[in-house]
Amino acid sequence: MPRLALYALVVCVLSVAAAVVSFAQGMWLGVVWVLLAGLSSNMTWYYARRAKVLRQRDEAASAGH
């Protein structure tokens, strides 16, 4: 897994935990944490998928020569 995807995954997990704690304490600030979790999960998916596509492209290019 690429480093940026791993960092985004860590941020996603931490923001989900923060949202759970925030909602458990009755604070509506948890909504911000949920939004951050959504953003970081999309970033995780994007960077992981991008790395996979680039790896497949490089393998196809090296197999063609």
PDB file of N, CA and C in Angstrom:
ATOM      1  N   MET A   1       0.856  -1.177   0.000  1.00  0.00           N
ATOM      2  CA  MET A   1       0.000   0.000   0.000  1.00  0.00           C
ATOM      3  C   MET A   1       0.901   1.240   0.000  1.00  0.00           C
ATOM      4  N   PRO A   2       0.614   2.182  -0.869  1.00  0.00           N
ATOM      5  CA  PRO A   2       1.426   3.399  -0.915  1.00  0.00           C
ATOM      6  C   PRO A   2       1.320   4.200   0.385  1.00  0.00           C
ATOM      7  N   ARG A   3       2.339   4.977   0.633  1.00  0.00           N
ATOM      8  CA  ARG A   3       2.422   5.715   1.891  1.00  0.00           C
ATOM      9  C   ARG A   3       1.257   6.690   2.078  1.00  0.00           C
ATOM     10  N   LEU A   4       0.878   7.414   1.030  1.00  0.00           N
ATOM     11  CA  LEU A   4      -0.234   8.362   1.164  1.00  0.00           C
ATOM     12  C   LEU A   4      -1.546   7.646   1.472  1.00  0.00           C
ATOM     13  N   ALA A   5      -1.748   6.487   0.884  1.00  0.00           N
ATOM     14  CA  ALA A   5      -2.959   5.717   1.178  1.00  0.00           C
ATOM     15  C   ALA A   5      -2.954   5.241   2.624  1.00  0.00           C
ATOM     16  N   LEU A   6      -1.790   4.843   3.107  1.00  0.00           N
ATOM     17  CA  LEU A   6      -1.683   4.396   4.492  1.00  0.00           C
ATOM     18  C   LEU A   6      -1.948   5.536   5.468  1.00  0.00           C
ATOM     19  N   TYR A   7      -1.397   6.701   5.194  1.00  0.00           N
ATOM     20  CA  TYR A   7      -1.654   7.875   6.040  1.00  0.00           C
ATOM     21  C   TYR A   7      -3.133   8.241   6.043  1.00  0.00           C
ATOM     22  N   ALA A   8      -3.748   8.207   4.867  1.00  0.00           N
ATOM     23  CA  ALA A   8      -5.173   8.532   4.779  1.00  0.00           C
ATOM     24  C   ALA A   8      -6.016   7.507   5.533  1.00  0.00           C
ATOM     25  N   LEU A   9      -5.608   6.248   5.507  1.00  0.00           N
ATOM     26  CA  LEU A   9      -6.315   5.216   6.249  1.00  0.00           C
ATOM     27  C   LEU A   9      -6.216   5.444   7.752  1.00  0.00           C
ATOM     28  N   VAL A  10      -5.042   5.841   8.212  1.00  0.00           N
ATOM     29  CA  VAL A  10      -4.859   6.142   9.638  1.00  0.00           C
ATOM     30  C   VAL A  10      -5.742   7.317  10.048  1.00  0.00           C
ATOM     31  N   VAL A  11      -5.784   8.353   9.223  1.00  0.00           N
ATOM     32  CA  VAL A  11      -6.628   9.509   9.514  1.00  0.00           C
ATOM     33  C   VAL A  11      -8.096   9.096   9.541  1.00  0.00           C
ATOM     34  N   CYS A  12      -8.483   8.223   8.645  1.00  0.00           N
ATOM     35  CA  CYS A  12      -9.867   7.744   8.602  1.00  0.00           C
ATOM     36  C   CYS A  12     -10.234   7.006   9.888  1.00  0.00           C
ATOM     37  N   VAL A  13      -9.373   6.102  10.307  1.00  0.00           N
ATOM     38  CA  VAL A  13      -9.653   5.331  11.522  1.00  0.00           C
ATOM     39  C   VAL A  13      -9.705   6.249  12.746  1.00  0.00           C
ATOM     40  N   LEU A  14      -8.761   7.170  12.838  1.00  0.00           N
ATOM     41  CA  LEU A  14      -8.749   8.087  13.981  1.00  0.00           C
ATOM     42  C   LEU A  14      -9.963   9.013  13.985  1.00  0.00           C
ATOM     43  N   SER A  15     -10.384   9.467  12.821  1.00  0.00           N
ATOM     44  CA  SER A  15     -11.541  10.360  12.780  1.00  0.00           C
ATOM     45  C   SER A  15     -12.835   9.615  13.099  1.00  0.00           C
ATOM     46  N   VAL A  16     -12.923   8.347  12.723  1.00  0.00           N
ATOM     47  CA  VAL A  16     -14.098   7.554  13.108  1.00  0.00           C
ATOM     48  C   VAL A  16     -14.131   7.383  14.625  1.00  0.00           C
ATOM     49  N   ALA A  17     -12.975   7.105  15.209  1.00  0.00           N
ATOM     50  CA  ALA A  17     -12.911   6.974  16.670  1.00  0.00           C
ATOM     51  C   ALA A  17     -13.286   8.283  17.356  1.00  0.00           C
ATOM     52  N   ALA A  18     -12.800   9.391  16.820  1.00  0.00           N
ATOM     53  CA  ALA A  18     -13.129  10.695  17.391  1.00  0.00           C
ATOM     54  C   ALA A  18     -14.624  10.992  17.255  1.00  0.00           C
ATOM     55  N   ALA A  19     -15.219  10.590  16.142  1.00  0.00           N
ATOM     56  CA  ALA A  19     -16.655  10.807  15.951  1.00  0.00           C
ATOM     57  C   ALA A  19     -17.464   9.991  16.951  1.00  0.00           C
ATOM     58  N   VAL A  20     -17.066   8.756  17.176  1.00  0.00           N
ATOM     59  CA  VAL A  20     -17.773   7.913  18.139  1.00  0.00           C
ATOM     60  C   VAL A  20     -17.697   8.516  19.534  1.00  0.00           C
ATOM     61  N   VAL A  21     -16.505   8.941  19.937  1.00  0.00           N
ATOM     62  CA  VAL A  21     -16.339   9.548  21.258  1.00  0.00           C
ATOM     63  C   VAL A  21     -17.146  10.835  21.360  1.00  0.00           C
ATOM     64  N   SER A  22     -17.102  11.635  20.321  1.00  0.00           N
ATOM     65  CA  SER A  22     -17.817  12.906  20.332  1.00  0.00           C
ATOM     66  C   SER A  22     -19.325  12.706  20.448  1.00  0.00           C
ATOM     67  N   PHE A  23     -19.866  11.784  19.658  1.00  0.00           N
ATOM     68  CA  PHE A  23     -21.306  11.517  19.737  1.00  0.00           C
ATOM     69  C   PHE A  23     -21.683  10.881  21.071  1.00  0.00           C
ATOM     70  N   ALA A  24     -20.802  10.043  21.616  1.00  0.00           N
ATOM     71  CA  ALA A  24     -21.087   9.407  22.907  1.00  0.00           C
ATOM     72  C   ALA A  24     -21.154  10.442  24.024  1.00  0.00           C
ATOM     73  N   GLN A  25     -20.410  11.523  23.874  1.00  0.00           N
ATOM     74  CA  GLN A  25     -20.436  12.593  24.868  1.00  0.00           C
ATOM     75  C   GLN A  25     -21.548  13.600  24.590  1.00  0.00           C
ATOM     76  N   GLY A  26     -22.294  13.381  23.541  1.00  0.00           N
ATOM     77  CA  GLY A  26     -23.429  14.241  23.236  1.00  0.00           C
ATOM     78  C   GLY A  26     -23.067  15.517  22.500  1.00  0.00           C
ATOM     79  N   MET A  27     -21.895  15.558  21.899  1.00  0.00           N
ATOM     80  CA  MET A  27     -21.475  16.761  21.166  1.00  0.00           C
ATOM     81  C   MET A  27     -21.739  16.565  19.670  1.00  0.00           C
ATOM     82  N   TRP A  28     -22.250  17.596  19.042  1.00  0.00           N
ATOM     83  CA  TRP A  28     -22.529  17.547  17.620  1.00  0.00           C
ATOM     84  C   TRP A  28     -21.288  17.795  16.783  1.00  0.00           C
ATOM     85  N   LEU A  29     -20.168  18.036  17.414  1.00  0.00           N
ATOM     86  CA  LEU A  29     -18.906  18.207  16.687  1.00  0.00           C
ATOM     87  C   LEU A  29     -18.526  16.917  15.954  1.00  0.00           C
ATOM     88  N   GLY A  30     -19.129  15.816  16.358  1.00  0.00           N
ATOM     89  CA  GLY A  30     -18.871  14.539  15.699  1.00  0.00           C
ATOM     90  C   GLY A  30     -19.200  14.558  14.224  1.00  0.00           C
ATOM     91  N   VAL A  31     -20.090  15.448  13.810  1.00  0.00           N
ATOM     92  CA  VAL A  31     -20.438  15.561  12.393  1.00  0.00           C
ATOM     93  C   VAL A  31     -19.207  15.938  11.579  1.00  0.00           C
ATOM     94  N   VAL A  32     -18.388  16.818  12.114  1.00  0.00           N
ATOM     95  CA  VAL A  32     -17.153  17.217  11.424  1.00  0.00           C
ATOM     96  C   VAL A  32     -16.222  16.014  11.294  1.00  0.00           C
ATOM     97  N   TRP A  33     -16.137  15.205  12.345  1.00  0.00           N
ATOM     98  CA  TRP A  33     -15.279  14.011  12.303  1.00  0.00           C
ATOM     99  C   TRP A  33     -15.800  13.003  11.279  1.00  0.00           C
ATOM    100  N   VAL A  34     -17.105  12.887  11.157  1.00  0.00           N
ATOM    101  CA  VAL A  34     -17.681  11.975  10.163  1.00  0.00           C
ATOM    102  C   VAL A  34     -17.339  12.453   8.753  1.00  0.00           C
ATOM    103  N   LEU A  35     -17.431  13.749   8.532  1.00  0.00           N
ATOM    104  CA  LEU A  35     -17.069  14.292   7.218  1.00  0.00           C
ATOM    105  C   LEU A  35     -15.599  14.059   6.909  1.00  0.00           C
ATOM    106  N   LEU A  36     -14.744  14.237   7.893  1.00  0.00           N
ATOM    107  CA  LEU A  36     -13.318  13.983   7.708  1.00  0.00           C
ATOM    108  C   LEU A  36     -13.061  12.501   7.427  1.00  0.00           C
ATOM    109  N   ALA A  37     -13.803  11.628   8.080  1.00  0.00           N
ATOM    110  CA  ALA A  37     -13.664  10.187   7.826  1.00  0.00           C
ATOM    111  C   ALA A  37     -14.049   9.863   6.383  1.00  0.00           C
ATOM    112  N   GLY A  38     -15.116  10.473   5.901  1.00  0.00           N
ATOM    113  CA  GLY A  38     -15.527  10.244   4.517  1.00  0.00           C
ATOM    114  C   GLY A  38     -14.490  10.723   3.521  1.00  0.00           C
ATOM    115  N   LEU A  39     -13.959  11.892   3.762  1.00  0.00           N
ATOM    116  CA  LEU A  39     -12.930  12.435   2.871  1.00  0.00           C
ATOM    117  C   LEU A  39     -11.687  11.559   2.871  1.00  0.00           C
ATOM    118  N   SER A  40     -11.236  11.182   4.043  1.00  0.00           N
ATOM    119  CA  SER A  40     -10.001  10.391   4.118  1.00  0.00           C
ATOM    120  C   SER A  40     -10.202   8.977   3.574  1.00  0.00           C
ATOM    121  N   SER A  41     -11.401   8.419   3.695  1.00  0.00           N
ATOM    122  CA  SER A  41     -11.632   7.098   3.108  1.00  0.00           C
ATOM    123  C   SER A  41     -11.600   7.175   1.581  1.00  0.00           C
ATOM    124  N   ASN A  42     -12.130   8.258   1.033  1.00  0.00           N
ATOM    125  CA  ASN A  42     -12.052   8.448  -0.418  1.00  0.00           C
ATOM    126  C   ASN A  42     -10.607   8.628  -0.870  1.00  0.00           C
ATOM    127  N   MET A  43      -9.821   9.345  -0.082  1.00  0.00           N
ATOM    128  CA  MET A  43      -8.404   9.520  -0.416  1.00  0.00           C
ATOM    129  C   MET A  43      -7.664   8.185  -0.356  1.00  0.00           C
ATOM    130  N   THR A  44      -7.993   7.363   0.648  1.00  0.00           N
ATOM    131  CA  THR A  44      -7.375   6.044   0.756  1.00  0.00           C
ATOM    132  C   THR A  44      -7.674   5.213  -0.481  1.00  0.00           C
ATOM    133  N   TRP A  45      -8.935   5.181  -0.873  1.00  0.00           N
ATOM    134  CA  TRP A  45      -9.340   4.412  -2.049  1.00  0.00           C
ATOM    135  C   TRP A  45      -8.632   4.931  -3.297  1.00  0.00           C
ATOM    136  N   TYR A  46      -8.581   6.253  -3.460  1.00  0.00           N
ATOM    137  CA  TYR A  46      -7.974   6.845  -4.644  1.00  0.00           C
ATOM    138  C   TYR A  46      -6.498   6.495  -4.756  1.00  0.00           C
ATOM    139  N   TYR A  47      -5.739   6.689  -3.688  1.00  0.00           N
ATOM    140  CA  TYR A  47      -4.303   6.432  -3.747  1.00  0.00           C
ATOM    141  C   TYR A  47      -3.992   4.947  -3.883  1.00  0.00           C
ATOM    142  N   ALA A  48      -4.769   4.086  -3.264  1.00  0.00           N
ATOM    143  CA  ALA A  48      -4.554   2.647  -3.417  1.00  0.00           C
ATOM    144  C   ALA A  48      -4.867   2.209  -4.849  1.00  0.00           C
ATOM    145  N   ARG A  49      -5.978   2.697  -5.382  1.00  0.00           N
ATOM    146  CA  ARG A  49      -6.361   2.348  -6.757  1.00  0.00           C
ATOM    147  C   ARG A  49      -5.358   2.897  -7.766  1.00  0.00           C
ATOM    148  N   ARG A  50      -4.893   4.116  -7.529  1.00  0.00           N
ATOM    149  CA  ARG A  50      -3.917   4.733  -8.419  1.00  0.00           C
ATOM    150  C   ARG A  50      -2.619   3.919  -8.457  1.00  0.00           C
ATOM    151  N   ALA A  51      -2.166   3.472  -7.302  1.00  0.00           N
ATOM    152  CA  ALA A  51      -0.950   2.663  -7.238  1.00  0.00           C
ATOM    153  C   ALA A  51      -1.141   1.339  -7.975  1.00  0.00           C
ATOM    154  N   LYS A  52      -2.314   0.744  -7.842  1.00  0.00           N
ATOM    155  CA  LYS A  52      -2.590  -0.522  -8.523  1.00  0.00           C
ATOM    156  C   LYS A  52      -2.576  -0.339 -10.040  1.00  0.00           C
ATOM    157  N   VAL A  53      -3.197   0.728 -10.506  1.00  0.00           N
ATOM    158  CA  VAL A  53      -3.246   0.990 -11.946  1.00  0.00           C
ATOM    159  C   VAL A  53      -1.839   1.260 -12.479  1.00  0.00           C
ATOM    160  N   LEU A  54      -1.066   2.046 -11.755  1.00  0.00           N
ATOM    161  CA  LEU A  54       0.300   2.330 -12.199  1.00  0.00           C
ATOM    162  C   LEU A  54       1.160   1.069 -12.212  1.00  0.00           C
ATOM    163  N   ARG A  55       0.979   0.221 -11.215  1.00  0.00           N
ATOM    164  CA  ARG A  55       1.734  -1.028 -11.162  1.00  0.00           C
ATOM    165  C   ARG A  55       1.359  -1.930 -12.339  1.00  0.00           C
ATOM    166  N   GLN A  56       0.070  -2.012 -12.659  1.00  0.00           N
ATOM    167  CA  GLN A  56      -0.367  -2.824 -13.792  1.00  0.00           C
ATOM    168  C   GLN A  56       0.169  -2.265 -15.104  1.00  0.00           C
ATOM    169  N   ARG A  57       0.192  -0.949 -15.211  1.00  0.00           N
ATOM    170  CA  ARG A  57       0.705  -0.322 -16.423  1.00  0.00           C
ATOM    171  C   ARG A  57       2.190  -0.606 -16.594  1.00  0.00           C
ATOM    172  N   ASP A  58       2.941  -0.531 -15.503  1.00  0.00           N
ATOM    173  CA  ASP A  58       4.375  -0.804 -15.574  1.00  0.00           C
ATOM    174  C   ASP A  58       4.650  -2.264 -15.906  1.00  0.00           C
ATOM    175  N   GLU A  59       3.851  -3.175 -15.355  1.00  0.00           N
ATOM    176  CA  GLU A  59       4.024  -4.593 -15.663  1.00  0.00           C
ATOM    177  C   GLU A  59       3.701  -4.874 -17.134  1.00  0.00           C
ATOM    178  N   ALA A  60       2.664  -4.233 -17.642  1.00  0.00           N
ATOM    179  CA  ALA A  60       2.305  -4.421 -19.050  1.00  0.00           C
ATOM    180  C   ALA A  60       3.375  -3.855 -19.968  1.00  0.00           C
ATOM    181  N   ALA A  61       3.962  -2.729 -19.579  1.00  0.00           N
ATOM    182  CA  ALA A  61       5.006  -2.120 -20.398  1.00  0.00           C
ATOM    183  C   ALA A  61       6.269  -2.971 -20.400  1.00  0.00           C
ATOM    184  N   SER A  62       6.608  -3.531 -19.247  1.00  0.00           N
ATOM    185  CA  SER A  62       7.827  -4.352 -19.193  1.00  0.00           C
ATOM    186  C   SER A  62       7.618  -5.702 -19.875  1.00  0.00           C
ATOM    187  N   ALA A  63       6.402  -6.220 -19.868  1.00  0.00           N
ATOM    188  CA  ALA A  63       6.107  -7.490 -20.544  1.00  0.00           C
ATOM    189  C   ALA A  63       6.099  -7.319 -22.058  1.00  0.00           C
ATOM    190  N   GLY A  64       5.775  -6.126 -22.517  1.00  0.00           N
ATOM    191  CA  GLY A  64       5.709  -5.865 -23.953  1.00  0.00           C
ATOM    192  C   GLY A  64       7.071  -5.751 -24.601  1.00  0.00           C
ATOM    193  N   HIS A  65       8.096  -5.486 -23.850  1.00  0.00           N
ATOM    194  CA  HIS A  65       9.437  -5.306 -24.430  1.00  0.00           C
ATOM    195  C   HIS A  65      10.213  -6.562 -24.418  1.00  0.00           C
TER     196      HIS A  65
END
